[in-house]
Protein backbone atom coordinates (compact mmCIF):
# COMPACT_ATOMS: atom_id res chain seq x y z
CA MET A 1 72.32 96.98 118.61
CA LYS A 2 73.99 98.11 115.33
CA GLN A 3 75.41 95.67 113.22
CA THR A 4 78.51 96.12 111.31
CA VAL A 5 79.15 93.99 108.18
CA LEU A 6 83.20 93.63 106.63
CA SER A 7 84.57 91.55 104.14
CA CYS A 8 88.39 90.92 103.24
CA ASP A 9 91.25 88.48 101.98
CA THR A 10 92.58 87.50 105.22
CA LEU A 11 91.66 88.14 108.43
CA VAL A 12 94.35 88.17 111.37
CA ALA A 13 93.31 87.33 114.67
CA GLY A 14 95.40 88.81 117.01
CA GLY A 15 97.74 91.89 117.27
CA GLY A 16 100.94 90.11 118.91
CA ILE A 17 104.35 89.65 117.05
CA ALA A 18 102.91 86.67 114.88
CA GLY A 19 99.84 88.96 114.14
CA ILE A 20 101.61 91.78 113.20
CA ALA A 21 103.89 89.56 110.95
CA ALA A 22 100.66 88.21 109.14
CA ALA A 23 99.14 90.98 108.40
CA LEU A 24 102.23 92.85 107.36
CA ALA A 25 102.88 89.69 104.88
CA SER A 26 99.34 89.41 103.64
CA ALA A 27 98.69 93.01 103.06
CA ARG A 28 102.64 93.32 101.02
CA SER A 29 101.05 90.23 98.92
CA GLY A 30 97.99 92.42 97.84
CA ALA A 31 95.33 91.51 100.26
CA LYS A 32 93.02 93.01 101.59
CA THR A 33 93.72 91.97 105.01
CA LEU A 34 91.81 93.44 108.54
CA LEU A 35 93.72 92.58 111.97
CA VAL A 36 91.13 92.56 114.75
CA GLU A 37 93.11 92.88 118.25
CA LYS A 38 91.16 92.81 121.72
CA GLU A 39 93.81 94.96 123.03
CA CYS A 40 94.52 98.79 122.26
CA VAL A 41 98.14 98.04 121.54
CA LEU A 42 99.95 95.82 119.21
CA GLY A 43 102.56 93.43 120.07
CA GLY A 44 101.17 91.33 122.64
CA LEU A 45 103.56 89.45 125.05
CA GLY A 46 106.26 91.54 123.61
CA THR A 47 104.61 95.47 124.54
CA LEU A 48 101.66 94.66 126.74
CA GLY A 49 103.37 91.68 128.11
CA LEU A 50 106.51 93.37 128.98
CA VAL A 51 108.35 90.57 127.79
CA THR A 52 110.56 93.08 125.60
CA ILE A 53 113.53 90.77 124.56
CA TYR A 54 113.64 90.13 121.05
CA LEU A 55 115.48 86.45 121.62
CA PRO A 56 117.96 85.57 118.77
CA LEU A 57 118.07 85.65 115.31
CA CYS A 58 120.99 83.15 115.10
CA ASP A 59 121.96 79.72 116.22
CA GLY A 60 124.72 80.98 118.48
CA MET A 61 127.47 79.91 116.18
CA GLY A 62 127.60 82.61 114.00
CA HIS A 63 124.82 81.64 111.39
CA GLN A 64 121.86 84.15 111.17
CA VAL A 65 118.80 81.24 110.74
CA ILE A 66 115.34 84.26 110.69
CA TYR A 67 115.81 86.87 107.82
CA GLY A 68 112.74 88.59 106.40
CA ILE A 69 109.95 89.88 108.45
CA GLY A 70 111.55 88.62 111.50
CA GLU A 71 114.83 90.60 111.09
CA GLU A 72 112.69 93.62 109.80
CA LEU A 73 110.90 93.70 113.60
CA LEU A 74 113.96 93.30 115.22
CA ARG A 75 115.56 96.75 113.74
CA LEU A 76 112.26 98.45 114.05
CA SER A 77 112.35 97.11 117.69
CA ILE A 78 115.38 99.23 118.40
CA ARG A 79 114.70 102.15 115.78
CA ARG A 80 114.64 104.51 118.53
CA GLY A 81 116.92 103.57 120.69
CA TRP A 82 117.85 99.84 122.86
CA GLN A 83 117.58 99.34 125.97
CA ASP A 84 120.02 96.12 126.57
CA LYS A 85 121.77 93.24 124.28
CA TYR A 86 122.80 95.46 121.75
CA PRO A 87 124.46 92.69 118.97
CA ALA A 88 127.12 95.44 117.55
CA PRO A 89 128.75 92.71 115.23
CA TRP A 90 125.15 91.51 113.76
CA LEU A 91 123.83 95.03 113.04
CA GLU A 92 127.24 96.98 112.50
CA GLY A 93 128.99 94.51 109.96
CA GLY A 94 131.13 92.51 111.99
CA SER A 95 133.48 89.57 111.14
CA PRO A 96 131.86 86.00 111.03
CA GLU A 97 133.84 85.14 114.60
CA GLU A 98 132.57 88.52 116.29
CA LYS A 99 128.79 87.18 115.42
CA ALA A 100 129.77 83.56 116.95
CA LYS A 101 130.62 85.09 120.18
CA ILE A 102 127.28 87.06 120.72
CA ARG A 103 123.72 86.14 119.53
CA PHE A 104 121.91 88.12 117.44
CA GLU A 105 119.31 89.47 120.07
CA VAL A 106 117.74 92.91 121.82
CA GLN A 107 115.86 94.65 124.36
CA TYR A 108 113.87 97.30 123.37
CA ASN A 109 111.37 99.76 124.61
CA PRO A 110 107.92 98.28 124.43
CA HIS A 111 105.99 101.29 123.74
CA LEU A 112 107.53 103.07 120.94
CA PHE A 113 108.07 99.16 119.40
CA ALA A 114 104.16 99.25 119.54
CA ILE A 115 103.31 102.54 117.84
CA ASP A 116 106.24 101.98 115.26
CA ALA A 117 104.50 98.40 114.55
CA GLU A 118 101.39 100.27 114.26
CA GLN A 119 102.77 102.77 111.49
CA LEU A 120 103.97 100.03 109.89
CA LEU A 121 101.03 98.04 109.28
CA LEU A 122 98.78 101.39 108.03
CA ASP A 123 101.61 102.47 105.53
CA ALA A 124 101.06 98.69 104.43
CA GLY A 125 97.37 99.40 103.98
CA VAL A 126 95.95 96.93 107.27
CA THR A 127 93.04 97.96 108.26
CA ILE A 128 92.96 97.56 112.41
CA LEU A 129 90.51 96.84 114.73
CA TYR A 130 91.40 97.57 118.30
CA ASP A 131 89.09 96.84 121.47
CA THR A 132 87.21 94.29 119.33
CA ARG A 133 86.73 91.09 120.57
CA ILE A 134 86.27 87.70 118.57
CA VAL A 135 83.05 85.60 120.45
CA ASP A 136 81.92 83.37 117.79
CA VAL A 137 82.25 81.90 114.07
CA GLU A 138 80.42 80.15 111.54
CA GLN A 139 81.58 77.74 109.36
CA GLU A 140 80.40 74.91 106.42
CA ASN A 141 82.06 71.80 105.96
CA GLY A 142 84.83 72.95 107.90
CA PHE A 143 85.57 76.29 106.15
CA LEU A 144 85.50 79.39 108.36
CA ARG A 145 82.35 81.69 106.80
CA GLN A 146 81.80 84.53 109.03
CA VAL A 147 83.10 85.93 112.14
CA ARG A 148 81.34 87.68 115.06
CA ALA A 149 83.14 90.20 117.09
CA TYR A 150 82.19 92.91 119.61
CA ASN A 151 83.42 96.14 120.13
CA LYS A 152 81.65 99.67 121.18
CA GLY A 153 80.10 100.07 118.13
CA GLY A 154 78.11 96.71 118.38
CA GLU A 155 78.12 93.70 116.51
CA THR A 156 80.80 93.14 113.74
CA VAL A 157 80.37 90.69 111.45
CA ILE A 158 83.60 89.92 109.15
CA ARG A 159 83.45 87.51 106.36
CA PRO A 160 86.89 86.47 105.21
CA LYS A 161 88.24 84.86 102.34
CA MET A 162 91.27 83.42 104.34
CA ALA A 163 92.06 83.60 108.30
CA VAL A 164 95.07 83.49 110.13
CA ASP A 165 94.56 82.38 114.20
CA ALA A 166 97.54 84.60 115.51
CA THR A 167 95.64 84.39 119.09
CA GLY A 168 98.17 82.80 120.80
CA ASP A 169 95.65 80.32 122.32
CA ALA A 170 94.20 78.94 118.80
CA ASP A 171 91.36 80.57 119.72
CA LEU A 172 89.53 80.61 116.36
CA PHE A 173 90.30 76.40 115.87
CA ARG A 174 88.57 76.03 119.23
CA MET A 175 85.77 78.17 118.07
CA MET A 176 86.10 76.18 114.94
CA GLU A 177 85.72 72.34 117.07
CA GLY A 178 88.89 72.05 115.02
CA PRO A 179 92.12 70.14 115.88
CA THR A 180 93.76 71.18 118.99
CA ALA A 181 96.22 70.47 121.88
CA VAL A 182 96.29 71.69 125.53
CA HIS A 183 100.00 72.30 126.84
CA GLU A 184 99.17 70.14 129.97
CA ALA A 185 101.78 70.94 132.06
CA GLY A 186 100.73 74.61 132.36
CA ASN A 187 102.84 77.61 132.98
CA PRO A 188 104.19 78.98 136.41
CA LEU A 189 103.81 82.61 137.41
CA ALA A 190 105.32 85.34 135.70
CA ALA A 191 105.17 89.02 137.40
CA TRP A 192 107.78 91.31 135.37
CA TYR A 193 107.57 95.26 135.59
CA TYR A 194 109.65 98.11 134.80
CA PHE A 195 110.97 100.36 137.65
CA THR A 196 113.00 103.54 137.83
CA GLY A 197 115.61 103.83 140.90
CA LYS A 198 119.08 104.81 141.78
CA ASP A 199 120.58 102.57 138.34
CA GLY A 200 117.88 104.34 136.29
CA LEU A 201 115.14 103.02 134.46
CA ARG A 202 115.47 98.78 134.59
CA LEU A 203 113.17 96.17 133.39
CA LYS A 204 112.59 93.31 136.44
CA MET A 205 112.16 89.82 135.26
CA LEU A 206 110.18 88.54 138.32
CA GLY A 207 109.58 84.84 138.42
CA ALA A 208 109.29 82.96 135.46
CA ALA A 209 111.94 84.42 133.12
CA ASP A 210 113.65 83.60 129.30
CA ILE A 211 117.25 83.46 130.82
CA PRO A 212 119.43 80.97 129.14
CA GLY A 213 121.28 78.74 131.40
CA GLN A 214 119.44 80.04 134.86
CA THR A 215 116.75 78.60 136.96
CA THR A 216 114.11 81.31 137.72
CA ALA A 217 112.16 80.92 141.62
CA SER A 218 109.27 79.75 141.47
CA LEU A 219 106.57 82.56 142.77
CA VAL A 220 103.84 80.58 144.25
CA ASN A 221 103.56 76.85 144.12
CA ARG A 222 100.97 76.52 141.19
CA ARG A 223 100.56 76.63 137.74
CA PHE A 224 98.19 77.85 135.47
CA SER A 225 96.54 76.63 132.05
CA GLY A 226 95.64 80.33 131.02
CA LEU A 227 92.33 78.65 129.20
CA ASP A 228 90.18 79.35 132.48
CA GLY A 229 88.47 83.18 133.19
CA ALA A 230 88.19 82.37 137.01
CA GLU A 231 92.05 81.12 137.13
CA ASN A 232 93.24 83.89 134.88
CA SER A 233 92.06 86.68 137.09
CA GLU A 234 93.54 84.84 139.92
CA MET A 235 96.89 84.69 138.25
CA VAL A 236 96.79 87.98 137.45
CA ILE A 237 96.16 89.17 141.04
CA GLN A 238 98.38 86.80 142.15
CA SER A 239 101.27 88.57 139.52
CA HIS A 240 100.12 92.31 141.16
CA ARG A 241 100.43 91.30 144.48
CA GLN A 242 104.33 89.43 143.90
CA ILE A 243 105.03 92.65 141.86
CA LEU A 244 103.96 95.07 144.87
CA ASN A 245 106.03 92.63 147.17
CA ASP A 246 108.57 93.09 145.43
CA VAL A 247 108.82 96.79 144.74
CA LEU A 248 108.26 97.41 148.67
CA GLN A 249 111.29 94.92 149.57
CA ARG A 250 113.57 96.74 146.70
CA ARG A 251 112.79 100.19 148.71
CA GLU A 252 114.40 99.01 151.91
CA THR A 253 117.86 99.52 150.14
CA ASP A 254 116.77 102.20 147.41
CA PRO A 255 114.02 105.17 149.02
CA SER A 256 113.75 106.34 145.22
CA LEU A 257 112.67 102.93 143.37
CA GLU A 258 109.12 103.62 141.54
CA PRO A 259 107.22 101.02 139.31
CA VAL A 260 106.56 102.42 136.05
CA THR A 261 104.64 100.08 133.82
CA ILE A 262 103.34 96.75 135.40
CA PRO A 263 101.64 94.14 132.17
CA GLY A 264 98.41 94.96 130.83
CA ILE A 265 97.91 91.29 129.99
CA MET A 266 98.58 88.09 131.52
CA GLN A 267 102.60 86.93 130.97
CA ILE A 268 101.43 83.19 129.89
CA ARG A 269 103.08 81.24 127.22
CA MET A 270 101.78 78.22 126.48
CA THR A 271 98.38 77.53 126.22
CA SER A 272 96.24 75.94 123.51
CA ARG A 273 97.82 74.71 119.63
CA LEU A 274 96.73 73.38 116.65
CA ASP A 275 96.99 69.78 116.03
CA GLY A 276 98.01 70.29 112.59
CA ALA A 277 99.03 68.58 109.26
CA TYR A 278 102.65 68.24 110.94
CA THR A 279 103.94 68.42 114.69
CA LEU A 280 107.19 69.66 115.05
CA ASP A 281 109.76 67.93 117.79
CA GLU A 282 112.50 68.97 119.59
CA GLU A 283 114.28 65.99 118.15
CA GLU A 284 114.33 66.95 114.87
CA ASP A 285 117.30 69.42 115.18
CA HIS A 286 118.81 70.18 111.52
CA HIS A 287 116.14 68.31 109.75
CA SER A 288 115.32 69.58 106.09
CA PHE A 289 111.61 69.57 105.03
CA GLU A 290 110.67 69.79 101.54
CA ASP A 291 107.85 72.43 102.64
CA SER A 292 110.06 74.21 104.80
CA ILE A 293 108.52 78.00 105.26
CA GLY A 294 111.82 79.28 107.46
CA MET A 295 114.17 78.55 109.95
CA THR A 296 114.37 79.19 113.86
CA GLY A 297 117.45 78.64 116.41
CA ASP A 298 116.87 77.33 120.13
CA TRP A 299 117.10 80.78 122.69
CA ARG A 300 118.05 78.35 125.34
CA LYS A 301 121.18 76.99 123.79
CA ASN A 302 123.67 77.20 121.06
CA GLY A 303 123.92 74.87 118.00
CA PRO A 304 120.23 73.58 117.52
CA ILE A 305 118.75 74.78 113.69
CA PHE A 306 114.80 74.31 113.00
CA GLU A 307 113.39 74.19 109.55
CA ILE A 308 109.81 74.67 109.99
CA PRO A 309 107.19 72.95 107.61
CA PHE A 310 104.52 74.29 106.38
CA GLY A 311 102.46 71.28 107.83
CA CYS A 312 102.79 72.76 111.27
CA LEU A 313 100.55 76.19 110.46
CA HIS A 314 97.54 74.69 108.99
CA ASN A 315 95.52 71.07 108.98
CA ALA A 316 93.68 71.99 105.71
CA ALA A 317 91.63 68.68 105.36
CA LYS A 318 89.87 69.91 108.50
CA CYS A 319 89.87 73.80 108.62
CA PRO A 320 90.96 74.35 104.53
CA ASN A 321 90.98 78.15 104.73
CA LEU A 322 92.17 79.20 108.41
CA LEU A 323 95.92 78.90 109.56
CA ALA A 324 98.22 79.18 112.62
CA ALA A 325 101.10 81.67 113.46
CA GLY A 326 103.01 82.24 116.53
CA ARG A 327 102.73 80.70 120.30
CA CYS A 328 100.05 78.08 118.30
CA ILE A 329 101.58 76.34 115.62
CA SER A 330 101.43 72.74 115.74
CA VAL A 331 104.27 71.38 117.66
CA THR A 332 105.04 68.81 120.43
CA ASP A 333 105.05 70.25 124.38
CA ASP A 334 109.30 69.75 124.42
CA MET A 335 109.28 72.20 120.82
CA TRP A 336 106.68 74.60 121.96
CA ASP A 337 109.44 76.22 124.18
CA ILE A 338 111.14 76.95 121.37
CA SER A 339 108.87 77.96 118.90
CA ARG A 340 106.20 79.91 120.90
CA VAL A 341 109.07 83.29 121.32
CA ILE A 342 109.28 86.48 119.21
CA PRO A 343 111.50 85.60 116.61
CA THR A 344 110.21 82.38 115.53
CA CYS A 345 106.42 83.99 115.93
CA ALA A 346 107.40 86.71 113.03
CA VAL A 347 108.52 83.80 111.06
CA THR A 348 105.65 81.79 110.97
CA GLY A 349 103.23 85.27 110.95
CA GLU A 350 104.89 86.02 108.09
CA ALA A 351 104.66 82.79 105.98
CA ALA A 352 100.90 82.02 107.09
CA GLY A 353 100.20 85.78 105.96
CA THR A 354 101.95 85.12 102.83
CA ALA A 355 99.90 81.70 102.19
CA ALA A 356 96.63 83.47 103.29
CA ALA A 357 97.15 86.01 100.54
CA LEU A 358 97.87 83.73 97.93
CA ALA A 359 95.29 81.11 98.45
CA ALA A 360 92.83 83.71 99.13
CA ALA A 361 93.57 85.07 95.53
CA LEU A 362 92.86 81.30 93.84
CA PRO A 363 89.11 80.63 92.95
CA GLU A 364 88.80 77.65 95.17
CA GLU A 365 90.11 80.09 98.74
CA SER A 366 91.96 76.80 99.77
CA LEU A 367 94.80 75.80 101.08
CA ALA A 368 94.54 72.59 99.15
CA ALA A 369 94.66 74.43 95.89
CA LEU A 370 98.10 76.60 97.05
CA SER A 371 100.74 74.62 96.27
CA ALA A 372 104.23 74.74 98.58
CA ASP A 373 106.13 75.94 95.76
CA ALA A 374 104.72 78.89 95.35
CA LEU A 375 104.42 80.01 98.63
CA GLN A 376 108.29 79.14 98.86
CA GLU A 377 109.04 81.28 95.86
CA THR A 378 107.04 84.19 97.19
CA LEU A 379 108.94 84.04 100.67
CA ARG A 380 112.46 83.63 98.89
CA LYS A 381 111.64 86.62 97.19
CA ASN A 382 110.74 88.27 100.41
CA GLY A 383 114.17 87.59 101.56
CA VAL A 384 113.55 84.75 103.99
CA ARG A 385 115.72 81.70 103.71
CA LEU A 386 113.79 78.22 104.00
CA HIS A 387 116.57 75.59 104.34
CA ILE A 388 119.88 75.29 106.91
CA ALA A 389 121.86 74.10 103.60
CA GLU A 390 121.14 78.11 102.33
CA ILE A 391 122.93 79.26 105.47
CA LEU A 392 125.60 76.79 106.13
């Protein structure tokens, strides 16, 4: 079988929202950046998974908390038009009072967003490898030295200086036998799909859904870990069955109803994560961290603001050249439901990609050689707000 050998400054594993942000930040920081994605579309749950709600960039009290690439991607998602939740005061220069009445969130078209995000990365100089699955790693004293991946061209060996695990499941960390933790409660079944009918094109959020203040009905009497192949296959089959049943039932009142898009990947949220240098908890609302790399609100309710310490993105003592971004950063189970969503993934992705590029340029090529001050200075130059005191 043919073998291809590639080298890069930053390898980004996973092309979801966190991976997009990480690759973009790395390339813009001057690093030779390679993004590896097992599917053929960028965006992960936010596109192929049909979870097409870009949850809030604000705290629900009129204060924007997420800037930088997190805001850039929100605006990109509705560049070709918006589907729902258009926050006019935030996008059209509304007053503070008007902003306090509506959250800074949108609903977008997944297909257009994915293509626009792809072009954004290509314009920045990112190399994208689609239809490529990472299967193994080689390490030396905790350093990730080599990654083995496969696609239709055969084996691809990738030799990065730094890497970002944006797989959503901490796959690189687990392959490295690094420090990880599992979400013990598992995930309820989701079966979102798009349909068209008498009321036009609509998103049906069937099953588990990110709807603040609402309890969604359980579709099946079980939960899924997302970490077992046979179980994952059963989850997908159950999702398809629920979609079909829902379509047939809804056709009784609207014979014109047709499903137009079903999920291309599992709609699963929390599986495995990094056990990092710091583990953020929901109780740390409005707590300031000296090494903060950005902030997030709580999509479920108004008021909370969380600074995210750099320690949530790495465990440099055990994996010196590997960072986490997105759904697999180091947080408690209570915090996981807050940090797993699109805007927070963009925040951590930008920070991880920036840190990887900066560290790759150092002689040691290690996170231990990167100062938090240097990372924060670069993030600030790129428009990121790091501390709650900067926005209140």
